Amino acid sequence: MRTLTIKEMPVSERPYERIERFGAASLTDAELIAVIIKSGYKEQTAVDIARELLRRCGSGGLVTLTDMELDELRRVKGIGRVKAIQIKALCELARRMNGARNVSSHKMRIRSTGQIAEILMGEMSHLKKEVLKVVLLDRKLQIIKISDVSVGTIDQALVHPREVFSDAIRNHASTIIIAHNHPTGHVEPSEDDINTTKRLILVGDIVGIEVIDHIIIGNGTYHSMHASGIMKKILESIAGNNIN
């Protein structure tokens, strides 16, 4: 039996017409992707191709889609060079829009460091490389800025205190929160994470900017060194005690 093209579908089922009548939120993920890739081929509509693409993403769904490379996208029949580029451009635009939402949170007063984790998780949870960010806060614990400090290899972020504190000093931050991701998805702090945090606390004490937390972001979850008590142990170590 021949597959109907989108133009042959009842008007009420066509993605373009449904967006006009009911808004984009009324469409499924596959239908939204179909709007981007526009056309299918003889046996499959754009919606069919989008469904197959999402099927290959497995349980990760749209999150997995954002991580797919161009050659992976092109393995789906009906997705060639142009369609693959369109999908990658859409994913990058979504990432940047998420970052723009984070920027809009500036001047929001932070009542717990978990708020910072929630702001950053959407952007950082599924990165393939370690990225370190610094959240700059004023005396009222309002966000001044979220700065990108370094991008490391898969298993090691490159951290230099000068890079961490230079933006904080320029923006007159009173305190900072360090955040980085673990591409493995696991959020348990490594020995390097703890030693780096200790080093930054010591430098912060010299320049008069307090480091109040180090947040590690994994696959949809996070670890706060402040909430877990590790920050307290680090401070005790600095005061002359040993970390257990």
Protein backbone atom coordinates (compact mmCIF):
# COMPACT_ATOMS: atom_id res chain seq x y z
CA MET A 1 0.00 0.00 0.00
CA ARG A 2 1.41 3.38 -1.02
CA THR A 3 2.26 5.81 1.79
CA LEU A 4 0.40 9.12 1.68
CA THR A 5 2.49 12.23 1.21
CA ILE A 6 1.96 15.07 3.67
CA LYS A 7 0.05 17.01 1.00
CA GLU A 8 -2.29 14.03 0.58
CA MET A 9 -3.05 13.85 4.31
CA PRO A 10 -6.30 15.35 5.60
CA VAL A 11 -5.73 19.03 6.27
CA SER A 12 -6.41 18.52 9.98
CA GLU A 13 -3.45 16.10 10.19
CA ARG A 14 -0.83 18.13 8.31
CA PRO A 15 1.92 19.54 10.58
CA TYR A 16 2.03 22.99 8.93
CA GLU A 17 -1.71 23.49 9.12
CA ARG A 18 -1.87 22.22 12.71
CA ILE A 19 0.78 24.72 13.79
CA GLU A 20 -1.24 27.52 12.20
CA ARG A 21 -4.48 26.42 13.86
CA PHE A 22 -3.35 25.06 17.22
CA GLY A 23 0.24 26.19 17.76
CA ALA A 24 3.55 24.30 17.68
CA ALA A 25 2.88 22.70 21.08
CA SER A 26 0.15 20.57 19.47
CA LEU A 27 2.68 18.65 17.36
CA THR A 28 4.58 15.53 18.37
CA ASP A 29 8.39 15.49 18.38
CA ALA A 30 8.38 13.63 15.07
CA GLU A 31 6.02 16.14 13.48
CA LEU A 32 8.16 19.07 14.61
CA ILE A 33 11.25 17.46 13.10
CA ALA A 34 9.26 16.79 9.92
CA VAL A 35 8.55 20.51 9.60
CA ILE A 36 12.31 21.13 9.65
CA ILE A 37 13.29 18.45 7.13
CA LYS A 38 10.26 19.34 4.94
CA SER A 39 10.11 16.37 2.58
CA GLY A 40 10.42 12.60 2.44
CA TYR A 41 10.93 10.20 -0.43
CA LYS A 42 8.73 7.84 -2.42
CA GLU A 43 7.93 5.35 0.34
CA GLN A 44 8.19 7.59 3.41
CA THR A 45 6.85 11.01 4.39
CA ALA A 46 8.94 13.49 6.36
CA VAL A 47 7.00 12.42 9.46
CA ASP A 48 7.90 8.76 8.83
CA ILE A 49 11.57 9.67 8.49
CA ALA A 50 11.43 11.71 11.70
CA ARG A 51 9.84 8.79 13.55
CA GLU A 52 12.60 6.46 12.37
CA LEU A 53 15.19 8.99 13.48
CA LEU A 54 13.68 9.18 16.97
CA ARG A 55 13.41 5.39 17.11
CA ARG A 56 17.17 5.19 16.60
CA CYS A 57 17.65 7.69 19.42
CA GLY A 58 16.18 5.11 21.80
CA SER A 59 15.14 6.06 25.32
CA GLY A 60 17.31 9.19 25.14
CA GLY A 61 14.93 10.74 22.62
CA LEU A 62 15.63 14.37 21.81
CA VAL A 63 18.62 14.45 24.15
CA THR A 64 20.32 11.74 22.09
CA LEU A 65 19.36 13.57 18.91
CA THR A 66 21.30 16.66 19.99
CA ASP A 67 24.43 14.52 20.40
CA MET A 68 24.23 12.79 17.01
CA GLU A 69 26.89 13.69 14.47
CA LEU A 70 26.16 14.46 10.83
CA ASP A 71 27.24 11.03 9.62
CA GLU A 72 24.95 9.35 12.18
CA LEU A 73 21.99 11.40 10.99
CA ARG A 74 22.71 10.53 7.37
CA ARG A 75 22.48 6.81 8.12
CA VAL A 76 18.72 7.25 8.36
CA LYS A 77 17.21 6.67 4.92
CA GLY A 78 15.78 9.91 3.59
CA ILE A 79 18.20 12.16 5.49
CA GLY A 80 20.95 13.46 3.25
CA ARG A 81 23.55 16.16 3.68
CA VAL A 82 21.14 19.11 3.70
CA LYS A 83 18.58 17.56 6.05
CA ALA A 84 21.33 16.44 8.45
CA ILE A 85 22.72 19.98 8.53
CA GLN A 86 19.24 21.40 9.12
CA ILE A 87 18.74 19.09 12.10
CA LYS A 88 22.17 19.94 13.57
CA ALA A 89 21.45 23.65 13.13
CA LEU A 90 18.13 23.21 14.95
CA CYS A 91 19.83 21.39 17.84
CA GLU A 92 22.47 24.10 18.16
CA LEU A 93 19.81 26.81 18.08
CA ALA A 94 17.93 25.01 20.87
CA ARG A 95 21.16 24.85 22.90
CA ARG A 96 21.75 28.57 22.45
CA MET A 97 18.16 29.39 23.35
CA ASN A 98 18.61 27.41 26.56
CA GLY A 99 21.72 29.48 27.25
CA ALA A 100 19.74 32.66 26.62
CA ARG A 101 17.22 31.55 29.24
CA ASN A 102 20.11 31.10 31.65
CA VAL A 103 21.24 34.65 30.94
CA SER A 104 17.71 35.88 31.70
CA SER A 105 18.11 34.42 35.18
CA HIS A 106 20.77 37.03 35.97
CA LYS A 107 19.97 39.18 38.99
CA MET A 108 17.87 36.32 40.32
CA ARG A 109 18.62 35.86 44.00
CA ILE A 110 20.04 32.44 44.80
CA ARG A 111 18.50 30.79 47.86
CA SER A 112 20.26 27.45 47.37
CA THR A 113 23.05 26.25 45.13
CA GLY A 114 20.60 23.68 43.78
CA GLN A 115 19.03 26.55 41.85
CA ILE A 116 22.31 26.99 39.99
CA ALA A 117 22.41 23.30 39.17
CA GLU A 118 18.88 23.45 37.76
CA ILE A 119 19.83 26.42 35.59
CA LEU A 120 22.92 24.70 34.18
CA MET A 121 21.80 21.09 33.83
CA GLY A 122 19.87 21.60 30.61
CA GLU A 123 22.99 22.88 28.88
CA MET A 124 25.68 20.77 30.56
CA SER A 125 24.16 17.36 31.31
CA HIS A 126 25.00 15.76 27.98
CA LEU A 127 28.19 17.50 26.88
CA LYS A 128 30.88 15.16 25.56
CA LYS A 129 33.75 17.22 26.98
CA GLU A 130 34.28 18.61 30.43
CA VAL A 131 33.34 22.28 30.61
CA LEU A 132 33.94 24.45 33.64
CA LYS A 133 31.74 27.45 34.38
CA VAL A 134 31.88 30.07 37.11
CA VAL A 135 28.73 31.68 38.47
CA LEU A 136 29.46 35.21 39.72
CA LEU A 137 27.33 36.47 42.61
CA ASP A 138 27.04 39.86 44.28
CA ARG A 139 26.68 40.55 48.01
CA LYS A 140 22.94 39.83 47.82
CA LEU A 141 23.65 36.45 46.18
CA GLN A 142 22.20 37.68 42.91
CA ILE A 143 23.67 36.29 39.69
CA ILE A 144 25.92 38.80 37.96
CA LYS A 145 27.13 36.54 35.18
CA ILE A 146 27.78 32.92 34.24
CA SER A 147 31.22 32.59 32.64
CA ASP A 148 32.74 29.79 30.59
CA VAL A 149 36.24 29.17 31.93
CA SER A 150 37.63 26.11 30.21
CA VAL A 151 36.87 23.15 27.99
CA GLY A 152 38.90 20.06 28.77
CA THR A 153 39.32 16.61 27.35
CA ILE A 154 36.80 13.84 27.95
CA ASP A 155 38.24 13.07 31.39
CA GLN A 156 39.94 16.25 32.60
CA ALA A 157 38.93 19.90 32.73
CA LEU A 158 41.79 22.37 32.47
CA VAL A 159 41.50 24.76 35.40
CA HIS A 160 43.74 27.72 36.18
CA PRO A 161 42.87 30.02 39.11
CA ARG A 162 43.72 33.11 37.04
CA GLU A 163 41.02 32.20 34.51
CA VAL A 164 38.51 31.37 37.24
CA PHE A 165 38.91 34.63 39.15
CA SER A 166 39.75 37.18 36.45
CA ASP A 167 36.12 37.63 35.36
CA ALA A 168 34.96 37.63 38.98
CA ILE A 169 37.37 40.45 39.81
CA ARG A 170 36.38 42.48 36.73
CA ASN A 171 32.70 42.15 37.61
CA HIS A 172 33.18 42.88 41.34
CA ALA A 173 31.77 39.53 42.42
CA SER A 174 31.63 38.85 46.15
CA THR A 175 31.26 35.09 45.89
CA ILE A 176 31.43 32.46 43.16
CA ILE A 177 30.11 28.98 42.51
CA ILE A 178 32.18 26.59 40.41
CA ALA A 179 30.35 24.14 38.15
CA HIS A 180 31.60 21.51 35.75
CA ASN A 181 30.20 18.41 34.09
CA HIS A 182 31.27 14.78 34.06
CA PRO A 183 30.72 13.38 30.55
CA THR A 184 30.46 9.89 32.06
CA GLY A 185 27.22 10.97 33.70
CA HIS A 186 28.47 10.08 37.18
CA VAL A 187 28.58 12.96 39.66
CA GLU A 188 30.72 11.61 42.49
CA PRO A 189 33.61 14.08 43.00
CA SER A 190 37.03 12.74 42.06
CA GLU A 191 40.17 13.39 44.06
CA ASP A 192 41.19 15.90 41.38
CA ASP A 193 37.83 17.67 41.77
CA ILE A 194 38.36 18.01 45.52
CA ASN A 195 41.97 19.15 45.18
CA THR A 196 41.00 21.71 42.53
CA THR A 197 38.26 23.03 44.78
CA LYS A 198 40.69 23.36 47.68
CA ARG A 199 43.14 25.24 45.48
CA LEU A 200 40.45 27.65 44.29
CA ILE A 201 39.24 28.28 47.84
CA LEU A 202 42.80 29.20 48.85
CA VAL A 203 43.16 31.60 45.92
CA GLY A 204 39.72 33.05 46.62
CA ASP A 205 40.77 33.75 50.19
CA ILE A 206 43.74 35.74 48.88
CA VAL A 207 41.73 37.85 46.42
CA GLY A 208 38.74 38.26 48.74
CA ILE A 209 36.21 36.24 46.74
CA GLU A 210 34.60 33.31 48.53
CA VAL A 211 34.04 30.00 46.73
CA ILE A 212 30.76 28.77 48.23
CA ASP A 213 30.20 25.58 46.23
CA HIS A 214 31.47 23.32 43.50
CA ILE A 215 28.67 21.64 41.57
CA ILE A 216 29.28 18.57 39.42
CA ILE A 217 26.68 17.93 36.74
CA GLY A 218 26.00 14.50 35.29
CA ASN A 219 23.28 12.86 33.25
CA GLY A 220 20.18 14.61 34.57
CA THR A 221 21.57 14.87 38.09
CA TYR A 222 24.17 16.81 40.06
CA HIS A 223 26.36 16.77 43.16
CA SER A 224 26.82 19.83 45.38
CA MET A 225 30.01 19.74 47.43
CA HIS A 226 28.40 22.21 49.83
CA ALA A 227 25.28 20.10 50.36
CA SER A 228 27.27 16.87 50.70
CA GLY A 229 29.59 18.34 53.33
CA ILE A 230 32.74 18.13 51.22
CA MET A 231 33.19 21.91 51.25
CA LYS A 232 33.12 21.83 55.05
CA LYS A 233 35.78 19.11 55.10
CA ILE A 234 37.95 21.09 52.68
CA LEU A 235 37.71 24.16 54.91
CA GLU A 236 38.61 22.03 57.93
CA SER A 237 41.59 20.67 56.00
CA ILE A 238 42.72 24.18 55.19
CA ALA A 239 42.41 25.05 58.88
CA GLY A 240 44.74 22.19 59.73
CA ASN A 241 42.54 19.10 59.74
CA ASN A 242 42.64 16.20 57.28
CA ILE A 243 39.81 15.25 54.92
CA ASN A 244 38.54 11.86 56.00
